[in-house]
Amino acid sequence: GLVEHRVIAVNLASWGGSSLTDTDLAIPAEPSRAGE
């Protein structure tokens, strides 16, 4: 029941740097190590 909902585009994928935005990088299937 939000009074309004906005979706805006901010293309962080254009420079990559993350497996969430760069499909050439694999999403880790193992738990992250402490401090990593």
Full PDB file with SEQRES, HELIX, SHEET, SSBOND, CRYST1, ORIGX, SCALE, CONECT and MASTER records, all heavy atoms in Angstrom:
SEQRES   1 A   36  GLY LEU VAL GLU HIS ARG VAL ILE ALA VAL ASN LEU ALA          
SEQRES   2 A   36  SER TRP GLY GLY SER SER LEU THR ASP THR ASP LEU ALA          
SEQRES   3 A   36  ILE PRO ALA GLU PRO SER ARG ALA GLY GLU                      
HELIX    1 AA1 LEU A   12  SER A   14  5                                   3    
CRYST1    1.000    1.000    1.000  90.00  90.00  90.00 P 1           1          
ORIGX1      1.000000  0.000000  0.000000        0.00000                         
ORIGX2      0.000000  1.000000  0.000000        0.00000                         
ORIGX3      0.000000  0.000000  1.000000        0.00000                         
SCALE1      1.000000  0.000000  0.000000        0.00000                         
SCALE2      0.000000  1.000000  0.000000        0.00000                         
SCALE3      0.000000  0.000000  1.000000        0.00000                         
ATOM      1  N   GLY A   1       0.789  -1.219   0.000  1.00  0.00           N  
ATOM      2  CA  GLY A   1       0.000   0.000   0.000  1.00  0.00           C  
ATOM      3  C   GLY A   1       0.822   1.271   0.000  1.00  0.00           C  
ATOM      4  O   GLY A   1       0.438   2.269   0.637  1.00  0.00           O  
ATOM      5  N   LEU A   2       1.948   1.277  -0.728  1.00  0.00           N  
ATOM      6  CA  LEU A   2       2.743   2.485  -0.820  1.00  0.00           C  
ATOM      7  C   LEU A   2       1.978   3.550  -1.597  1.00  0.00           C  
ATOM      8  O   LEU A   2       1.231   3.241  -2.524  1.00  0.00           O  
ATOM      9  CB  LEU A   2       4.082   2.199  -1.512  1.00  0.00           C  
ATOM     10  CG  LEU A   2       4.968   1.100  -0.906  1.00  0.00           C  
ATOM     11  CD1 LEU A   2       6.360   1.168  -1.520  1.00  0.00           C  
ATOM     12  CD2 LEU A   2       5.044   1.177   0.607  1.00  0.00           C  
ATOM     13  N   VAL A   3       2.180   4.791  -1.238  1.00  0.00           N  
ATOM     14  CA  VAL A   3       1.431   5.869  -1.892  1.00  0.00           C  
ATOM     15  C   VAL A   3       1.943   6.119  -3.306  1.00  0.00           C  
ATOM     16  O   VAL A   3       1.211   6.675  -4.151  1.00  0.00           O  
ATOM     17  CB  VAL A   3       1.486   7.173  -1.075  1.00  0.00           C  
ATOM     18  CG1 VAL A   3       0.807   6.989   0.270  1.00  0.00           C  
ATOM     19  CG2 VAL A   3       2.926   7.662  -0.883  1.00  0.00           C  
ATOM     20  N   GLU A   4       3.167   5.711  -3.578  1.00  0.00           N  
ATOM     21  CA  GLU A   4       3.763   5.901  -4.900  1.00  0.00           C  
ATOM     22  C   GLU A   4       4.944   4.970  -5.020  1.00  0.00           C  
ATOM     23  O   GLU A   4       5.586   4.626  -4.022  1.00  0.00           O  
ATOM     24  CB  GLU A   4       4.217   7.353  -5.069  1.00  0.00           C  
ATOM     25  CG  GLU A   4       4.791   7.695  -6.423  1.00  0.00           C  
ATOM     26  CD  GLU A   4       5.273   9.139  -6.524  1.00  0.00           C  
ATOM     27  OE1 GLU A   4       4.984   9.931  -5.604  1.00  0.00           O  
ATOM     28  OE2 GLU A   4       5.951   9.466  -7.525  1.00  0.00           O  
ATOM     29  N   HIS A   5       5.245   4.547  -6.250  1.00  0.00           N  
ATOM     30  CA  HIS A   5       6.427   3.723  -6.483  1.00  0.00           C  
ATOM     31  C   HIS A   5       7.068   4.174  -7.785  1.00  0.00           C  
ATOM     32  O   HIS A   5       6.416   4.227  -8.824  1.00  0.00           O  
ATOM     33  CB  HIS A   5       6.062   2.242  -6.569  1.00  0.00           C  
ATOM     34  CG  HIS A   5       7.246   1.353  -6.838  1.00  0.00           C  
ATOM     35  ND1 HIS A   5       7.237   0.358  -7.797  1.00  0.00           N  
ATOM     36  CD2 HIS A   5       8.485   1.321  -6.275  1.00  0.00           C  
ATOM     37  CE1 HIS A   5       8.404  -0.256  -7.794  1.00  0.00           C  
ATOM     38  NE2 HIS A   5       9.177   0.307  -6.886  1.00  0.00           N  
ATOM     39  N   ARG A   6       8.345   4.513  -7.712  1.00  0.00           N  
ATOM     40  CA  ARG A   6       9.078   4.954  -8.884  1.00  0.00           C  
ATOM     41  C   ARG A   6      10.232   4.000  -9.154  1.00  0.00           C  
ATOM     42  O   ARG A   6      10.900   3.527  -8.227  1.00  0.00           O  
ATOM     43  CB  ARG A   6       9.629   6.367  -8.690  1.00  0.00           C  
ATOM     44  CG  ARG A   6       8.565   7.406  -8.401  1.00  0.00           C  
ATOM     45  CD  ARG A   6       9.175   8.768  -8.188  1.00  0.00           C  
ATOM     46  NE  ARG A   6       9.742   9.311  -9.411  1.00  0.00           N  
ATOM     47  CZ  ARG A   6       9.079  10.108 -10.255  1.00  0.00           C  
ATOM     48  NH1 ARG A   6       7.828  10.453  -9.998  1.00  0.00           N  
ATOM     49  NH2 ARG A   6       9.662  10.568 -11.346  1.00  0.00           N  
ATOM     50  N   VAL A   7      10.455   3.704 -10.433  1.00  0.00           N  
ATOM     51  CA  VAL A   7      11.600   2.904 -10.867  1.00  0.00           C  
ATOM     52  C   VAL A   7      12.409   3.767 -11.819  1.00  0.00           C  
ATOM     53  O   VAL A   7      11.879   4.257 -12.819  1.00  0.00           O  
ATOM     54  CB  VAL A   7      11.169   1.610 -11.572  1.00  0.00           C  
ATOM     55  CG1 VAL A   7      12.395   0.810 -12.016  1.00  0.00           C  
ATOM     56  CG2 VAL A   7      10.282   0.757 -10.672  1.00  0.00           C  
ATOM     57  N   ILE A   8      13.683   3.984 -11.503  1.00  0.00           N  
ATOM     58  CA  ILE A   8      14.513   4.784 -12.379  1.00  0.00           C  
ATOM     59  C   ILE A   8      15.731   3.979 -12.813  1.00  0.00           C  
ATOM     60  O   ILE A   8      16.182   3.068 -12.116  1.00  0.00           O  
ATOM     61  CB  ILE A   8      14.947   6.113 -11.728  1.00  0.00           C  
ATOM     62  CG1 ILE A   8      15.808   5.880 -10.490  1.00  0.00           C  
ATOM     63  CG2 ILE A   8      13.733   6.955 -11.359  1.00  0.00           C  
ATOM     64  CD1 ILE A   8      16.363   7.172  -9.915  1.00  0.00           C  
ATOM     65  N   ALA A   9      16.248   4.316 -13.994  1.00  0.00           N  
ATOM     66  CA  ALA A   9      17.381   3.597 -14.567  1.00  0.00           C  
ATOM     67  C   ALA A   9      18.684   4.319 -14.268  1.00  0.00           C  
ATOM     68  O   ALA A   9      18.798   5.529 -14.490  1.00  0.00           O  
ATOM     69  CB  ALA A   9      17.204   3.452 -16.074  1.00  0.00           C  
ATOM     70  N   VAL A  10      19.633   3.580 -13.735  1.00  0.00           N  
ATOM     71  CA  VAL A  10      20.993   4.075 -13.496  1.00  0.00           C  
ATOM     72  C   VAL A  10      21.922   2.942 -13.926  1.00  0.00           C  
ATOM     73  O   VAL A  10      22.115   1.983 -13.188  1.00  0.00           O  
ATOM     74  CB  VAL A  10      21.235   4.415 -12.007  1.00  0.00           C  
ATOM     75  CG1 VAL A  10      22.618   5.007 -11.820  1.00  0.00           C  
ATOM     76  CG2 VAL A  10      20.175   5.359 -11.480  1.00  0.00           C  
ATOM     77  N   ASN A  11      22.480   3.039 -15.103  1.00  0.00           N  
ATOM     78  CA  ASN A  11      23.154   1.885 -15.694  1.00  0.00           C  
ATOM     79  C   ASN A  11      24.563   1.672 -15.147  1.00  0.00           C  
ATOM     80  O   ASN A  11      25.563   1.981 -15.794  1.00  0.00           O  
ATOM     81  CB  ASN A  11      23.191   2.018 -17.216  1.00  0.00           C  
ATOM     82  CG  ASN A  11      23.679   0.738 -17.879  1.00  0.00           C  
ATOM     83  OD1 ASN A  11      23.735  -0.323 -17.256  1.00  0.00           O  
ATOM     84  ND2 ASN A  11      24.030   0.834 -19.149  1.00  0.00           N  
ATOM     85  N   LEU A  12      24.642   1.098 -13.959  1.00  0.00           N  
ATOM     86  CA  LEU A  12      25.938   0.778 -13.368  1.00  0.00           C  
ATOM     87  C   LEU A  12      26.624  -0.375 -14.096  1.00  0.00           C  
ATOM     88  O   LEU A  12      27.829  -0.579 -13.945  1.00  0.00           O  
ATOM     89  CB  LEU A  12      25.769   0.428 -11.889  1.00  0.00           C  
ATOM     90  CG  LEU A  12      25.158   1.508 -10.996  1.00  0.00           C  
ATOM     91  CD1 LEU A  12      25.105   1.028  -9.549  1.00  0.00           C  
ATOM     92  CD2 LEU A  12      25.917   2.819 -11.097  1.00  0.00           C  
ATOM     93  N   ALA A  13      25.853  -1.113 -14.904  1.00  0.00           N  
ATOM     94  CA  ALA A  13      26.432  -2.234 -15.647  1.00  0.00           C  
ATOM     95  C   ALA A  13      27.334  -1.760 -16.778  1.00  0.00           C  
ATOM     96  O   ALA A  13      28.129  -2.548 -17.300  1.00  0.00           O  
ATOM     97  CB  ALA A  13      25.321  -3.116 -16.210  1.00  0.00           C  
ATOM     98  N   SER A  14      27.238  -0.491 -17.163  1.00  0.00           N  
ATOM     99  CA  SER A  14      28.000  -0.009 -18.317  1.00  0.00           C  
ATOM    100  C   SER A  14      29.506  -0.064 -18.074  1.00  0.00           C  
ATOM    101  O   SER A  14      30.287  -0.093 -19.016  1.00  0.00           O  
ATOM    102  CB  SER A  14      27.574   1.415 -18.690  1.00  0.00           C  
ATOM    103  OG  SER A  14      27.843   2.325 -17.641  1.00  0.00           O  
ATOM    104  N   TRP A  15      29.923  -0.052 -16.801  1.00  0.00           N  
ATOM    105  CA  TRP A  15      31.355  -0.206 -16.531  1.00  0.00           C  
ATOM    106  C   TRP A  15      31.673  -1.457 -15.724  1.00  0.00           C  
ATOM    107  O   TRP A  15      32.811  -1.684 -15.347  1.00  0.00           O  
ATOM    108  CB  TRP A  15      31.918   1.025 -15.833  1.00  0.00           C  
ATOM    109  CG  TRP A  15      31.133   1.541 -14.658  1.00  0.00           C  
ATOM    110  CD1 TRP A  15      31.034   1.001 -13.408  1.00  0.00           C  
ATOM    111  CD2 TRP A  15      30.329   2.714 -14.646  1.00  0.00           C  
ATOM    112  NE1 TRP A  15      30.229   1.759 -12.616  1.00  0.00           N  
ATOM    113  CE2 TRP A  15      29.781   2.835 -13.349  1.00  0.00           C  
ATOM    114  CE3 TRP A  15      30.019   3.695 -15.597  1.00  0.00           C  
ATOM    115  CZ2 TRP A  15      28.935   3.881 -12.974  1.00  0.00           C  
ATOM    116  CZ3 TRP A  15      29.188   4.732 -15.229  1.00  0.00           C  
ATOM    117  CH2 TRP A  15      28.650   4.817 -13.936  1.00  0.00           C  
ATOM    118  N   GLY A  16      30.690  -2.291 -15.429  1.00  0.00           N  
ATOM    119  CA  GLY A  16      30.954  -3.582 -14.807  1.00  0.00           C  
ATOM    120  C   GLY A  16      31.549  -3.474 -13.417  1.00  0.00           C  
ATOM    121  O   GLY A  16      31.178  -2.617 -12.637  1.00  0.00           O  
ATOM    122  N   GLY A  17      32.477  -4.375 -13.130  1.00  0.00           N  
ATOM    123  CA  GLY A  17      33.133  -4.374 -11.827  1.00  0.00           C  
ATOM    124  C   GLY A  17      32.454  -5.235 -10.794  1.00  0.00           C  
ATOM    125  O   GLY A  17      32.873  -5.255  -9.635  1.00  0.00           O  
ATOM    126  N   SER A  18      31.403  -5.967 -11.189  1.00  0.00           N  
ATOM    127  CA  SER A  18      30.660  -6.808 -10.247  1.00  0.00           C  
ATOM    128  C   SER A  18      30.038  -7.969 -10.992  1.00  0.00           C  
ATOM    129  O   SER A  18      29.585  -7.823 -12.133  1.00  0.00           O  
ATOM    130  CB  SER A  18      29.557  -5.993  -9.566  1.00  0.00           C  
ATOM    131  OG  SER A  18      28.663  -6.841  -8.864  1.00  0.00           O  
ATOM    132  N   SER A  19      29.971  -9.124 -10.334  1.00  0.00           N  
ATOM    133  CA  SER A  19      29.301 -10.262 -10.963  1.00  0.00           C  
ATOM    134  C   SER A  19      27.788 -10.086 -11.012  1.00  0.00           C  
ATOM    135  O   SER A  19      27.098 -10.848 -11.688  1.00  0.00           O  
ATOM    136  CB  SER A  19      29.658 -11.563 -10.238  1.00  0.00           C  
ATOM    137  OG  SER A  19      29.339 -11.492  -8.857  1.00  0.00           O  
ATOM    138  N   LEU A  20      27.258  -9.064 -10.334  1.00  0.00           N  
ATOM    139  CA  LEU A  20      25.820  -8.781 -10.440  1.00  0.00           C  
ATOM    140  C   LEU A  20      25.485  -7.994 -11.701  1.00  0.00           C  
ATOM    141  O   LEU A  20      24.328  -7.977 -12.128  1.00  0.00           O  
ATOM    142  CB  LEU A  20      25.322  -7.985  -9.224  1.00  0.00           C  
ATOM    143  CG  LEU A  20      25.246  -8.705  -7.890  1.00  0.00           C  
ATOM    144  CD1 LEU A  20      24.465  -7.865  -6.890  1.00  0.00           C  
ATOM    145  CD2 LEU A  20      24.608 -10.073  -8.022  1.00  0.00           C  
ATOM    146  N   THR A  21      26.487  -7.342 -12.281  1.00  0.00           N  
ATOM    147  CA  THR A  21      26.231  -6.512 -13.462  1.00  0.00           C  
ATOM    148  C   THR A  21      27.014  -6.963 -14.687  1.00  0.00           C  
ATOM    149  O   THR A  21      26.775  -6.449 -15.786  1.00  0.00           O  
ATOM    150  CB  THR A  21      26.583  -5.040 -13.168  1.00  0.00           C  
ATOM    151  OG1 THR A  21      27.955  -4.953 -12.764  1.00  0.00           O  
ATOM    152  CG2 THR A  21      25.685  -4.469 -12.074  1.00  0.00           C  
ATOM    153  N   ASP A  22      27.938  -7.878 -14.537  1.00  0.00           N  
ATOM    154  CA  ASP A  22      28.756  -8.362 -15.649  1.00  0.00           C  
ATOM    155  C   ASP A  22      28.531  -9.859 -15.791  1.00  0.00           C  
ATOM    156  O   ASP A  22      28.983 -10.651 -14.960  1.00  0.00           O  
ATOM    157  CB  ASP A  22      30.235  -8.068 -15.370  1.00  0.00           C  
ATOM    158  CG  ASP A  22      31.149  -8.434 -16.532  1.00  0.00           C  
ATOM    159  OD1 ASP A  22      30.693  -9.158 -17.447  1.00  0.00           O  
ATOM    160  OD2 ASP A  22      32.319  -8.011 -16.523  1.00  0.00           O  
ATOM    161  N   THR A  23      27.835 -10.251 -16.854  1.00  0.00           N  
ATOM    162  CA  THR A  23      27.480 -11.667 -17.028  1.00  0.00           C  
ATOM    163  C   THR A  23      28.681 -12.526 -17.426  1.00  0.00           C  
ATOM    164  O   THR A  23      28.565 -13.749 -17.485  1.00  0.00           O  
ATOM    165  CB  THR A  23      26.369 -11.821 -18.085  1.00  0.00           C  
ATOM    166  OG1 THR A  23      26.779 -11.191 -19.308  1.00  0.00           O  
ATOM    167  CG2 THR A  23      25.075 -11.185 -17.595  1.00  0.00           C  
ATOM    168  N   ASP A  24      29.825 -11.893 -17.693  1.00  0.00           N  
ATOM    169  CA  ASP A  24      31.036 -12.679 -17.943  1.00  0.00           C  
ATOM    170  C   ASP A  24      31.653 -13.186 -16.644  1.00  0.00           C  
ATOM    171  O   ASP A  24      32.543 -14.041 -16.670  1.00  0.00           O  
ATOM    172  CB  ASP A  24      32.076 -11.835 -18.691  1.00  0.00           C  
ATOM    173  CG  ASP A  24      31.677 -11.573 -20.144  1.00  0.00           C  
ATOM    174  OD1 ASP A  24      30.919 -12.384 -20.703  1.00  0.00           O  
ATOM    175  OD2 ASP A  24      32.114 -10.544 -20.695  1.00  0.00           O  
ATOM    176  N   LEU A  25      31.198 -12.641 -15.525  1.00  0.00           N  
ATOM    177  CA  LEU A  25      31.678 -13.077 -14.215  1.00  0.00           C  
ATOM    178  C   LEU A  25      30.653 -14.007 -13.582  1.00  0.00           C  
ATOM    179  O   LEU A  25      29.451 -13.766 -13.672  1.00  0.00           O  
ATOM    180  CB  LEU A  25      31.911 -11.863 -13.301  1.00  0.00           C  
ATOM    181  CG  LEU A  25      32.914 -10.820 -13.791  1.00  0.00           C  
ATOM    182  CD1 LEU A  25      32.946  -9.634 -12.820  1.00  0.00           C  
ATOM    183  CD2 LEU A  25      34.299 -11.434 -13.943  1.00  0.00           C  
ATOM    184  N   ALA A  26      31.122 -15.041 -12.930  1.00  0.00           N  
ATOM    185  CA  ALA A  26      30.225 -16.021 -12.308  1.00  0.00           C  
ATOM    186  C   ALA A  26      29.800 -15.553 -10.921  1.00  0.00           C  
ATOM    187  O   ALA A  26      30.604 -14.995 -10.171  1.00  0.00           O  
ATOM    188  CB  ALA A  26      30.913 -17.382 -12.203  1.00  0.00           C  
ATOM    189  N   ILE A  27      28.526 -15.796 -10.604  1.00  0.00           N  
ATOM    190  CA  ILE A  27      28.047 -15.568  -9.239  1.00  0.00           C  
ATOM    191  C   ILE A  27      28.682 -16.620  -8.335  1.00  0.00           C  
ATOM    192  O   ILE A  27      28.596 -17.817  -8.626  1.00  0.00           O  
ATOM    193  CB  ILE A  27      26.515 -15.683  -9.168  1.00  0.00           C  
ATOM    194  CG1 ILE A  27      25.842 -14.627 -10.045  1.00  0.00           C  
ATOM    195  CG2 ILE A  27      26.033 -15.572  -7.731  1.00  0.00           C  
ATOM    196  CD1 ILE A  27      25.965 -13.225  -9.548  1.00  0.00           C  
ATOM    197  N   PRO A  28      29.339 -16.231  -7.248  1.00  0.00           N  
ATOM    198  CA  PRO A  28      29.974 -17.231  -6.372  1.00  0.00           C  
ATOM    199  C   PRO A  28      28.950 -18.223  -5.817  1.00  0.00           C  
ATOM    200  O   PRO A  28      27.864 -17.833  -5.392  1.00  0.00           O  
ATOM    201  CB  PRO A  28      30.576 -16.386  -5.247  1.00  0.00           C  
ATOM    202  CG  PRO A  28      30.736 -15.020  -5.827  1.00  0.00           C  
ATOM    203  CD  PRO A  28      29.594 -14.852  -6.784  1.00  0.00           C  
ATOM    204  N   ALA A  29      29.313 -19.494  -5.869  1.00  0.00           N  
ATOM    205  CA  ALA A  29      28.436 -20.535  -5.342  1.00  0.00           C  
ATOM    206  C   ALA A  29      28.853 -20.982  -3.951  1.00  0.00           C  
ATOM    207  O   ALA A  29      28.138 -21.751  -3.305  1.00  0.00           O  
ATOM    208  CB  ALA A  29      28.435 -21.744  -6.279  1.00  0.00           C  
ATOM    209  N   GLU A  30      30.000 -20.488  -3.479  1.00  0.00           N  
ATOM    210  CA  GLU A  30      30.492 -20.830  -2.155  1.00  0.00           C  
ATOM    211  C   GLU A  30      30.297 -19.638  -1.215  1.00  0.00           C  
ATOM    212  O   GLU A  30      30.335 -18.481  -1.643  1.00  0.00           O  
ATOM    213  CB  GLU A  30      31.973 -21.199  -2.204  1.00  0.00           C  
ATOM    214  CG  GLU A  30      32.276 -22.420  -3.055  1.00  0.00           C  
ATOM    215  CD  GLU A  30      31.629 -23.682  -2.505  1.00  0.00           C  
ATOM    216  OE1 GLU A  30      31.540 -23.787  -1.259  1.00  0.00           O  
ATOM    217  OE2 GLU A  30      31.222 -24.541  -3.302  1.00  0.00           O  
ATOM    218  N   PRO A  31      30.057 -19.888   0.087  1.00  0.00           N  
ATOM    219  CA  PRO A  31      29.907 -18.779   1.039  1.00  0.00           C  
ATOM    220  C   PRO A  31      31.132 -17.886   1.062  1.00  0.00           C  
ATOM    221  O   PRO A  31      32.261 -18.352   0.890  1.00  0.00           O  
ATOM    222  CB  PRO A  31      29.721 -19.504   2.384  1.00  0.00           C  
ATOM    223  CG  PRO A  31      29.248 -20.874   2.030  1.00  0.00           C  
ATOM    224  CD  PRO A  31      29.897 -21.208   0.726  1.00  0.00           C  
ATOM    225  N   SER A  32      30.906 -16.611   1.266  1.00  0.00           N  
ATOM    226  CA  SER A  32      32.015 -15.673   1.367  1.00  0.00           C  
ATOM    227  C   SER A  32      32.849 -15.978   2.609  1.00  0.00           C  
ATOM    228  O   SER A  32      32.316 -16.335   3.654  1.00  0.00           O  
ATOM    229  CB  SER A  32      31.492 -14.233   1.455  1.00  0.00           C  
ATOM    230  OG  SER A  32      30.755 -13.901   0.306  1.00  0.00           O  
ATOM    231  N   ARG A  33      34.165 -15.817   2.486  1.00  0.00           N  
ATOM    232  CA  ARG A  33      35.045 -15.999   3.638  1.00  0.00           C  
ATOM    233  C   ARG A  33      35.031 -14.745   4.505  1.00  0.00           C  
ATOM    234  O   ARG A  33      34.830 -13.638   4.009  1.00  0.00           O  
ATOM    235  CB  ARG A  33      36.464 -16.308   3.174  1.00  0.00           C  
ATOM    236  CG  ARG A  33      36.595 -17.635   2.437  1.00  0.00           C  
ATOM    237  CD  ARG A  33      38.058 -17.984   2.249  1.00  0.00           C  
ATOM    238  NE  ARG A  33      38.729 -17.012   1.390  1.00  0.00           N  
ATOM    239  CZ  ARG A  33      38.817 -17.138   0.066  1.00  0.00           C  
ATOM    240  NH1 ARG A  33      38.245 -18.166  -0.539  1.00  0.00           N  
ATOM    241  NH2 ARG A  33      39.455 -16.227  -0.645  1.00  0.00           N  
ATOM    242  N   ALA A  34      35.238 -14.931   5.792  1.00  0.00           N  
ATOM    243  CA  ALA A  34      35.258 -13.805   6.724  1.00  0.00           C  
ATOM    244  C   ALA A  34      36.295 -12.780   6.279  1.00  0.00           C  
ATOM    245  O   ALA A  34      37.436 -13.129   5.965  1.00  0.00           O  
ATOM    246  CB  ALA A  34      35.569 -14.294   8.136  1.00  0.00           C  
ATOM    247  N   GLY A  35      35.896 -11.510   6.251  1.00  0.00           N  
ATOM    248  CA  GLY A  35      36.789 -10.437   5.870  1.00  0.00           C  
ATOM    249  C   GLY A  35      36.928 -10.223   4.382  1.00  0.00           C  
ATOM    250  O   GLY A  35      37.588  -9.279   3.944  1.00  0.00           O  
ATOM    251  N   GLU A  36      36.307 -11.071   3.583  1.00  0.00           N  
ATOM    252  CA  GLU A  36      36.392 -10.969   2.134  1.00  0.00           C  
ATOM    253  C   GLU A  36      35.169 -10.233   1.585  1.00  0.00           C  
ATOM    254  O   GLU A  36      34.041 -10.503   1.983  1.00  0.00           O  
ATOM    255  CB  GLU A  36      36.466 -12.365   1.513  1.00  0.00           C  
ATOM    256  CG  GLU A  36      36.443 -12.383   0.003  1.00  0.00           C  
ATOM    257  CD  GLU A  36      36.332 -13.796  -0.556  1.00  0.00           C  
ATOM    258  OE1 GLU A  36      35.335 -14.475  -0.244  1.00  0.00           O  
ATOM    259  OE2 GLU A  36      37.239 -14.203  -1.293  1.00  0.00           O  
TER     260      GLU A  36                                                      
MASTER        0    0    0    1    0    0    0    6  259    1    0    3          
END                                                                             
